[in-house]
Amino acid sequence: MADPTSRRHGPRISARRAFRHFQHLYGNTTSAQDRHTQVRFGRISYLSSGPASGNVLGYVPFLRRTRAWLITNCVNPSSPADYEGRGGVARHYVGGTMFVVVDDTQEASLEAWEWQKGHHAEQELGFQRQFHPRPRPRSTPYRSVKWHLVRRHPGRILIRYHQRDCFTFDHVNVDGTPRGLFISVILSSGPNDRCPRPSATAPFAAINRAPGGYPLRHLHHQRTGPVTYLPESA
């Protein structure tokens, strides 16, 4: 997820330089691929996974509202230059989806990248992430807020959550059980950004059914109110 920044908090490097960093670190691209590649700057939250908490937070994203460049191609991206397929065999693919998070620095540096092959029958995923979350989960105030169902589609639901001053969308945690889905919508306030602007996606969130997951019915709230990050091993 990428939220735009104000002019006062604009990037340190140009989009062209960020793209050169991307090519240097991820691999060269063709002119055909470049036509379908988007380069955007904003506060990036990397939502796919992160350190797990032993309460309604579930996991917290590895990156949360971090100033960086987001580079995406959902048509014809190539696999990373050093990508190894199954069995450690080096292969080169074209197609699928890709996103890369590039640091807003003069030195070429990646925060995370993900590439997924387009053919679902033999899906292969290249994935790299940082192992020291930014910012640290304990350093940020969180709130679990109320929500209600807006729309239901096959395999997908849309919910609307209650906004709160000085907090913005962080992530959604879904615990599936035979009794139904227990959902918490988590907002956060950055440790060095005490009153962040609401997320560009506010106040809605979509939840998709995972392959082989529980049906999207019998929806329940998890506890609401202030929440502190609590490692599962605590």
C-alpha atoms as a PDB file:
ATOM      1  CA  MET A   1       0.000   0.000   0.000  1.00  0.00           C
ATOM      2  CA  ALA A   2       1.354   3.430  -0.934  1.00  0.00           C
ATOM      3  CA  ASP A   3      -0.072   6.679   0.400  1.00  0.00           C
ATOM      4  CA  PRO A   4       0.997   9.922  -1.273  1.00  0.00           C
ATOM      5  CA  THR A   5       3.050  12.441   0.682  1.00  0.00           C
ATOM      6  CA  SER A   6       2.743  16.209   0.838  1.00  0.00           C
ATOM      7  CA  ARG A   7       5.111  18.439  -1.151  1.00  0.00           C
ATOM      8  CA  ARG A   8       6.836  19.339   2.105  1.00  0.00           C
ATOM      9  CA  HIS A   9       7.715  15.663   2.596  1.00  0.00           C
ATOM     10  CA  GLY A  10       8.632  14.932  -1.013  1.00  0.00           C
ATOM     11  CA  PRO A  11      11.344  12.517  -2.207  1.00  0.00           C
ATOM     12  CA  ARG A  12      15.085  13.074  -1.923  1.00  0.00           C
ATOM     13  CA  ILE A  13      15.860  11.487  -5.301  1.00  0.00           C
ATOM     14  CA  SER A  14      14.095  11.619  -8.679  1.00  0.00           C
ATOM     15  CA  ALA A  15      11.852   8.925 -10.106  1.00  0.00           C
ATOM     16  CA  ARG A  16      14.449   8.337 -12.834  1.00  0.00           C
ATOM     17  CA  ARG A  17      17.187   7.707 -10.274  1.00  0.00           C
ATOM     18  CA  ALA A  18      14.900   5.407  -8.264  1.00  0.00           C
ATOM     19  CA  PHE A  19      14.209   3.436 -11.449  1.00  0.00           C
ATOM     20  CA  ARG A  20      17.951   3.129 -12.148  1.00  0.00           C
ATOM     21  CA  HIS A  21      18.424   1.802  -8.597  1.00  0.00           C
ATOM     22  CA  PHE A  22      15.671  -0.719  -9.297  1.00  0.00           C
ATOM     23  CA  GLN A  23      17.322  -1.917 -12.514  1.00  0.00           C
ATOM     24  CA  HIS A  24      20.735  -2.160 -10.814  1.00  0.00           C
ATOM     25  CA  LEU A  25      19.420  -4.238  -7.900  1.00  0.00           C
ATOM     26  CA  TYR A  26      16.575  -6.236  -9.454  1.00  0.00           C
ATOM     27  CA  GLY A  27      17.797  -6.680 -13.031  1.00  0.00           C
ATOM     28  CA  ASN A  28      17.641  -5.038 -16.437  1.00  0.00           C
ATOM     29  CA  THR A  29      14.303  -4.515 -18.143  1.00  0.00           C
ATOM     30  CA  THR A  30      13.227  -4.132 -21.766  1.00  0.00           C
ATOM     31  CA  SER A  31      11.489  -1.154 -23.347  1.00  0.00           C
ATOM     32  CA  ALA A  32       8.313  -3.262 -23.629  1.00  0.00           C
ATOM     33  CA  GLN A  33       8.401  -3.929 -19.875  1.00  0.00           C
ATOM     34  CA  ASP A  34       9.150  -0.289 -19.108  1.00  0.00           C
ATOM     35  CA  ARG A  35       5.888   0.764 -20.789  1.00  0.00           C
ATOM     36  CA  HIS A  36       3.952  -1.199 -18.165  1.00  0.00           C
ATOM     37  CA  THR A  37       6.088  -0.245 -15.167  1.00  0.00           C
ATOM     38  CA  GLN A  38       4.866   2.347 -12.680  1.00  0.00           C
ATOM     39  CA  VAL A  39       7.199   4.306 -10.401  1.00  0.00           C
ATOM     40  CA  ARG A  40       5.556   6.050  -7.438  1.00  0.00           C
ATOM     41  CA  PHE A  41       6.762   7.687  -4.248  1.00  0.00           C
ATOM     42  CA  GLY A  42       4.894   7.687  -0.949  1.00  0.00           C
ATOM     43  CA  ARG A  43       4.626   6.210   2.500  1.00  0.00           C
ATOM     44  CA  ILE A  44       4.853   2.499   1.841  1.00  0.00           C
ATOM     45  CA  SER A  45       3.309  -0.206   4.010  1.00  0.00           C
ATOM     46  CA  TYR A  46       4.348  -3.741   3.111  1.00  0.00           C
ATOM     47  CA  LEU A  47       1.274  -5.660   4.187  1.00  0.00           C
ATOM     48  CA  SER A  48       1.832  -9.234   3.041  1.00  0.00           C
ATOM     49  CA  SER A  49       3.534 -10.466   6.220  1.00  0.00           C
ATOM     50  CA  GLY A  50       5.489  -9.405   9.264  1.00  0.00           C
ATOM     51  CA  PRO A  51       6.326 -10.190  12.889  1.00  0.00           C
ATOM     52  CA  ALA A  52       3.413 -11.839  14.695  1.00  0.00           C
ATOM     53  CA  SER A  53       1.769 -10.534  17.846  1.00  0.00           C
ATOM     54  CA  GLY A  54      -0.017 -12.732  20.375  1.00  0.00           C
ATOM     55  CA  ASN A  55      -3.177 -10.587  20.482  1.00  0.00           C
ATOM     56  CA  VAL A  56      -5.697  -9.009  18.091  1.00  0.00           C
ATOM     57  CA  LEU A  57      -2.891  -7.317  16.145  1.00  0.00           C
ATOM     58  CA  GLY A  58      -2.067 -10.650  14.552  1.00  0.00           C
ATOM     59  CA  TYR A  59       0.957  -9.677  12.467  1.00  0.00           C
ATOM     60  CA  VAL A  60       2.256  -6.181  11.842  1.00  0.00           C
ATOM     61  CA  PRO A  61       3.689  -5.190   8.435  1.00  0.00           C
ATOM     62  CA  PHE A  62       7.455  -5.245   7.971  1.00  0.00           C
ATOM     63  CA  LEU A  63       7.263  -1.721   6.585  1.00  0.00           C
ATOM     64  CA  ARG A  64       4.769   0.766   7.968  1.00  0.00           C
ATOM     65  CA  ARG A  65       4.416   4.216   6.404  1.00  0.00           C
ATOM     66  CA  THR A  66       8.064   4.245   5.328  1.00  0.00           C
ATOM     67  CA  ARG A  67       9.091   6.897   2.785  1.00  0.00           C
ATOM     68  CA  ALA A  68      10.200   4.937  -0.272  1.00  0.00           C
ATOM     69  CA  TRP A  69       9.642   4.282  -3.979  1.00  0.00           C
ATOM     70  CA  LEU A  70       7.177   1.635  -5.122  1.00  0.00           C
ATOM     71  CA  ILE A  71       7.882   0.102  -8.539  1.00  0.00           C
ATOM     72  CA  THR A  72       5.224  -2.215  -9.991  1.00  0.00           C
ATOM     73  CA  ASN A  73       4.501  -4.127 -13.182  1.00  0.00           C
ATOM     74  CA  CYS A  74       1.374  -6.291 -13.382  1.00  0.00           C
ATOM     75  CA  VAL A  75       1.634  -7.184 -17.100  1.00  0.00           C
ATOM     76  CA  ASN A  76       5.045  -8.458 -18.211  1.00  0.00           C
ATOM     77  CA  PRO A  77       7.709  -8.172 -15.500  1.00  0.00           C
ATOM     78  CA  SER A  78      10.803 -10.337 -15.627  1.00  0.00           C
ATOM     79  CA  SER A  79      11.900 -12.501 -12.733  1.00  0.00           C
ATOM     80  CA  PRO A  80      14.785 -11.087 -10.646  1.00  0.00           C
ATOM     81  CA  ALA A  81      18.220 -11.447 -12.210  1.00  0.00           C
ATOM     82  CA  ASP A  82      19.393 -13.843  -9.493  1.00  0.00           C
ATOM     83  CA  TYR A  83      16.113 -15.756  -9.191  1.00  0.00           C
ATOM     84  CA  GLU A  84      16.391 -19.502  -8.669  1.00  0.00           C
ATOM     85  CA  GLY A  85      13.376 -21.681  -9.362  1.00  0.00           C
ATOM     86  CA  ARG A  86      12.466 -24.977  -7.789  1.00  0.00           C
ATOM     87  CA  GLY A  87      15.435 -27.146  -6.939  1.00  0.00           C
ATOM     88  CA  GLY A  88      17.780 -24.157  -6.997  1.00  0.00           C
ATOM     89  CA  VAL A  89      17.845 -24.080 -10.805  1.00  0.00           C
ATOM     90  CA  ALA A  90      18.441 -20.595 -12.245  1.00  0.00           C
ATOM     91  CA  ARG A  91      15.661 -19.655 -14.664  1.00  0.00           C
ATOM     92  CA  HIS A  92      14.401 -16.533 -16.355  1.00  0.00           C
ATOM     93  CA  TYR A  93      10.686 -15.857 -16.683  1.00  0.00           C
ATOM     94  CA  VAL A  94       8.588 -13.047 -18.103  1.00  0.00           C
ATOM     95  CA  GLY A  95       5.051 -12.370 -16.902  1.00  0.00           C
ATOM     96  CA  GLY A  96       3.056 -12.381 -13.703  1.00  0.00           C
ATOM     97  CA  THR A  97       3.169  -9.552 -11.174  1.00  0.00           C
ATOM     98  CA  MET A  98       5.980  -7.704  -9.464  1.00  0.00           C
ATOM     99  CA  PHE A  99       6.460  -4.986  -6.916  1.00  0.00           C
ATOM    100  CA  VAL A 100       9.717  -3.617  -5.577  1.00  0.00           C
ATOM    101  CA  VAL A 101      10.277  -1.143  -2.725  1.00  0.00           C
ATOM    102  CA  VAL A 102      13.363   1.015  -3.309  1.00  0.00           C
ATOM    103  CA  ASP A 103      14.856   3.247  -0.608  1.00  0.00           C
ATOM    104  CA  ASP A 104      14.683   7.003  -1.165  1.00  0.00           C
ATOM    105  CA  THR A 105      18.471   7.324  -0.881  1.00  0.00           C
ATOM    106  CA  GLN A 106      21.385   8.217  -3.137  1.00  0.00           C
ATOM    107  CA  GLU A 107      22.803   4.734  -2.564  1.00  0.00           C
ATOM    108  CA  ALA A 108      20.927   1.933  -4.331  1.00  0.00           C
ATOM    109  CA  SER A 109      19.097  -0.100  -1.681  1.00  0.00           C
ATOM    110  CA  LEU A 110      16.037  -2.349  -1.625  1.00  0.00           C
ATOM    111  CA  GLU A 111      13.589  -2.731   1.239  1.00  0.00           C
ATOM    112  CA  ALA A 112      11.635  -5.639  -0.256  1.00  0.00           C
ATOM    113  CA  TRP A 113      10.614  -7.220  -3.513  1.00  0.00           C
ATOM    114  CA  GLU A 114       8.085  -9.768  -4.607  1.00  0.00           C
ATOM    115  CA  TRP A 115       7.657 -11.425  -7.986  1.00  0.00           C
ATOM    116  CA  GLN A 116       4.989 -14.001  -8.756  1.00  0.00           C
ATOM    117  CA  LYS A 117       4.812 -16.098 -11.869  1.00  0.00           C
ATOM    118  CA  GLY A 118       1.645 -15.741 -13.922  1.00  0.00           C
ATOM    119  CA  HIS A 119       0.833 -19.421 -14.451  1.00  0.00           C
ATOM    120  CA  HIS A 120      -1.127 -20.610 -11.428  1.00  0.00           C
ATOM    121  CA  ALA A 121      -0.577 -24.307 -12.213  1.00  0.00           C
ATOM    122  CA  GLU A 122       3.121 -23.997 -11.449  1.00  0.00           C
ATOM    123  CA  GLN A 123       3.258 -20.895  -9.329  1.00  0.00           C
ATOM    124  CA  GLU A 124       6.694 -19.842  -8.187  1.00  0.00           C
ATOM    125  CA  LEU A 125       7.346 -16.899  -5.929  1.00  0.00           C
ATOM    126  CA  GLY A 126      10.499 -14.873  -5.514  1.00  0.00           C
ATOM    127  CA  PHE A 127      10.404 -13.065  -2.192  1.00  0.00           C
ATOM    128  CA  GLN A 128      12.827 -10.983  -0.156  1.00  0.00           C
ATOM    129  CA  ARG A 129      12.121  -8.877   2.871  1.00  0.00           C
ATOM    130  CA  GLN A 130      13.979  -7.015   5.550  1.00  0.00           C
ATOM    131  CA  PHE A 131      14.276  -8.832   8.878  1.00  0.00           C
ATOM    132  CA  HIS A 132      14.428  -5.737  11.078  1.00  0.00           C
ATOM    133  CA  PRO A 133      10.966  -4.135  10.851  1.00  0.00           C
ATOM    134  CA  ARG A 134      10.770  -0.376  10.361  1.00  0.00           C
ATOM    135  CA  PRO A 135       9.718   1.131  12.608  1.00  0.00           C
ATOM    136  CA  ARG A 136       9.939  -1.321  15.506  1.00  0.00           C
ATOM    137  CA  PRO A 137       6.484  -2.719  16.336  1.00  0.00           C
ATOM    138  CA  ARG A 138       6.751  -1.786  20.020  1.00  0.00           C
ATOM    139  CA  SER A 139       7.412   1.867  19.177  1.00  0.00           C
ATOM    140  CA  THR A 140       4.010   2.557  17.604  1.00  0.00           C
ATOM    141  CA  PRO A 141       0.594   3.051  19.248  1.00  0.00           C
ATOM    142  CA  TYR A 142      -2.130   0.829  17.765  1.00  0.00           C
ATOM    143  CA  ARG A 143      -5.917   0.780  17.995  1.00  0.00           C
ATOM    144  CA  SER A 144      -8.377  -1.956  17.078  1.00  0.00           C
ATOM    145  CA  VAL A 145     -11.518  -0.187  15.813  1.00  0.00           C
ATOM    146  CA  LYS A 146     -15.121  -1.100  15.096  1.00  0.00           C
ATOM    147  CA  TRP A 147     -16.209  -2.022  11.566  1.00  0.00           C
ATOM    148  CA  HIS A 148     -19.322  -3.163   9.708  1.00  0.00           C
ATOM    149  CA  LEU A 149     -20.004  -5.125   6.530  1.00  0.00           C
ATOM    150  CA  VAL A 150     -20.701  -2.985   3.443  1.00  0.00           C
ATOM    151  CA  ARG A 151     -20.848  -5.468   0.570  1.00  0.00           C
ATOM    152  CA  ARG A 152     -20.451  -9.177  -0.008  1.00  0.00           C
ATOM    153  CA  HIS A 153     -19.171 -10.703  -3.260  1.00  0.00           C
ATOM    154  CA  PRO A 154     -18.278 -14.333  -4.050  1.00  0.00           C
ATOM    155  CA  GLY A 155     -14.971 -14.865  -2.273  1.00  0.00           C
ATOM    156  CA  ARG A 156     -14.676 -11.239  -1.145  1.00  0.00           C
ATOM    157  CA  ILE A 157     -16.178  -8.842   1.386  1.00  0.00           C
ATOM    158  CA  LEU A 158     -15.868  -5.096   1.794  1.00  0.00           C
ATOM    159  CA  ILE A 159     -15.966  -3.559   5.264  1.00  0.00           C
ATOM    160  CA  ARG A 160     -16.080   0.021   6.484  1.00  0.00           C
ATOM    161  CA  TYR A 161     -14.235   0.879   9.671  1.00  0.00           C
ATOM    162  CA  HIS A 162     -14.487   3.732  12.160  1.00  0.00           C
ATOM    163  CA  GLN A 163     -11.758   6.320  11.704  1.00  0.00           C
ATOM    164  CA  ARG A 164      -9.996   7.995  14.594  1.00  0.00           C
ATOM    165  CA  ASP A 165      -8.052  11.259  14.799  1.00  0.00           C
ATOM    166  CA  CYS A 166      -4.252  10.902  14.542  1.00  0.00           C
ATOM    167  CA  PHE A 167      -4.476   7.240  13.522  1.00  0.00           C
ATOM    168  CA  THR A 168      -4.404   5.761  10.037  1.00  0.00           C
ATOM    169  CA  PHE A 169      -4.945   2.318   8.523  1.00  0.00           C
ATOM    170  CA  ASP A 170      -2.244  -0.218   9.386  1.00  0.00           C
ATOM    171  CA  HIS A 171      -3.617  -3.681   8.549  1.00  0.00           C
ATOM    172  CA  VAL A 172      -6.484  -6.140   8.957  1.00  0.00           C
ATOM    173  CA  ASN A 173      -6.113  -9.316  11.010  1.00  0.00           C
ATOM    174  CA  VAL A 174      -8.404 -12.268  10.211  1.00  0.00           C
ATOM    175  CA  ASP A 175      -8.518 -15.410  12.353  1.00  0.00           C
ATOM    176  CA  GLY A 176     -10.473 -18.203  10.673  1.00  0.00           C
ATOM    177  CA  THR A 177     -12.194 -20.832  12.827  1.00  0.00           C
ATOM    178  CA  PRO A 178     -15.010 -23.344  12.272  1.00  0.00           C
ATOM    179  CA  ARG A 179     -17.262 -20.853  14.126  1.00  0.00           C
ATOM    180  CA  GLY A 180     -16.533 -18.117  11.571  1.00  0.00           C
ATOM    181  CA  LEU A 181     -14.072 -15.308  10.919  1.00  0.00           C
ATOM    182  CA  PHE A 182     -12.824 -13.055  13.713  1.00  0.00           C
ATOM    183  CA  ILE A 183     -11.754  -9.744  12.181  1.00  0.00           C
ATOM    184  CA  SER A 184      -9.867  -6.799  13.631  1.00  0.00           C
ATOM    185  CA  VAL A 185      -9.080  -3.578  11.766  1.00  0.00           C
ATOM    186  CA  ILE A 186      -5.875  -2.069  13.133  1.00  0.00           C
ATOM    187  CA  LEU A 187      -4.984   1.618  12.923  1.00  0.00           C
ATOM    188  CA  SER A 188      -1.635   3.052  13.987  1.00  0.00           C
ATOM    189  CA  SER A 189       0.158   6.319  14.585  1.00  0.00           C
ATOM    190  CA  GLY A 190       3.795   6.517  13.510  1.00  0.00           C
ATOM    191  CA  PRO A 191       6.369   6.952  16.310  1.00  0.00           C
ATOM    192  CA  ASN A 192       7.861  10.018  14.614  1.00  0.00           C
ATOM    193  CA  ASP A 193       4.660  11.175  12.973  1.00  0.00           C
ATOM    194  CA  ARG A 194       2.317  11.701  15.890  1.00  0.00           C
ATOM    195  CA  CYS A 195      -0.721  12.687  13.870  1.00  0.00           C
ATOM    196  CA  PRO A 196      -0.480  11.116  10.409  1.00  0.00           C
ATOM    197  CA  ARG A 197      -2.926  11.866   7.650  1.00  0.00           C
ATOM    198  CA  PRO A 198      -5.531   9.111   7.135  1.00  0.00           C
ATOM    199  CA  SER A 199      -4.625   6.452   4.614  1.00  0.00           C
ATOM    200  CA  ALA A 200      -5.705   7.049   1.026  1.00  0.00           C
ATOM    201  CA  THR A 201      -7.738   3.837   1.286  1.00  0.00           C
ATOM    202  CA  ALA A 202      -9.727   5.009   4.329  1.00  0.00           C
ATOM    203  CA  PRO A 203     -12.268   4.113   5.561  1.00  0.00           C
ATOM    204  CA  PHE A 204     -12.692   0.847   3.608  1.00  0.00           C
ATOM    205  CA  ALA A 205     -10.876  -2.479   3.579  1.00  0.00           C
ATOM    206  CA  ALA A 206     -11.402  -5.542   1.373  1.00  0.00           C
ATOM    207  CA  ILE A 207     -10.937  -9.127   2.571  1.00  0.00           C
ATOM    208  CA  ASN A 208     -10.480 -11.969   0.075  1.00  0.00           C
ATOM    209  CA  ARG A 209     -10.988 -15.615   0.834  1.00  0.00           C
ATOM    210  CA  ALA A 210      -7.705 -17.496   0.821  1.00  0.00           C
ATOM    211  CA  PRO A 211      -7.499 -20.649  -1.346  1.00  0.00           C
ATOM    212  CA  GLY A 212      -8.808 -23.460   0.814  1.00  0.00           C
ATOM    213  CA  GLY A 213      -9.676 -20.991   3.584  1.00  0.00           C
ATOM    214  CA  TYR A 214     -12.823 -20.656   5.640  1.00  0.00           C
ATOM    215  CA  PRO A 215     -15.937 -19.208   3.926  1.00  0.00           C
ATOM    216  CA  LEU A 216     -16.521 -15.468   4.352  1.00  0.00           C
ATOM    217  CA  ARG A 217     -19.567 -15.793   6.592  1.00  0.00           C
ATOM    218  CA  HIS A 218     -20.349 -15.677  10.309  1.00  0.00           C
ATOM    219  CA  LEU A 219     -18.246 -12.558  10.817  1.00  0.00           C
ATOM    220  CA  HIS A 220     -17.218 -11.539  14.348  1.00  0.00           C
ATOM    221  CA  HIS A 221     -15.441  -8.565  15.914  1.00  0.00           C
ATOM    222  CA  GLN A 222     -12.269  -9.026  17.851  1.00  0.00           C
ATOM    223  CA  ARG A 223     -11.650  -6.825  20.881  1.00  0.00           C
ATOM    224  CA  THR A 224     -11.491  -3.087  20.148  1.00  0.00           C
ATOM    225  CA  GLY A 225      -9.533  -0.312  21.848  1.00  0.00           C
ATOM    226  CA  PRO A 226      -5.815   0.420  22.409  1.00  0.00           C
ATOM    227  CA  VAL A 227      -3.531  -2.512  21.614  1.00  0.00           C
ATOM    228  CA  THR A 228       0.145  -3.088  22.444  1.00  0.00           C
ATOM    229  CA  TYR A 229       2.428  -5.255  20.326  1.00  0.00           C
ATOM    230  CA  LEU A 230       2.986  -8.498  22.201  1.00  0.00           C
ATOM    231  CA  PRO A 231       5.374 -11.050  20.614  1.00  0.00           C
ATOM    232  CA  GLU A 232       3.971 -14.575  20.435  1.00  0.00           C
ATOM    233  CA  SER A 233       6.901 -15.841  22.475  1.00  0.00           C
ATOM    234  CA  ALA A 234       6.170 -13.435  25.363  1.00  0.00           C
END
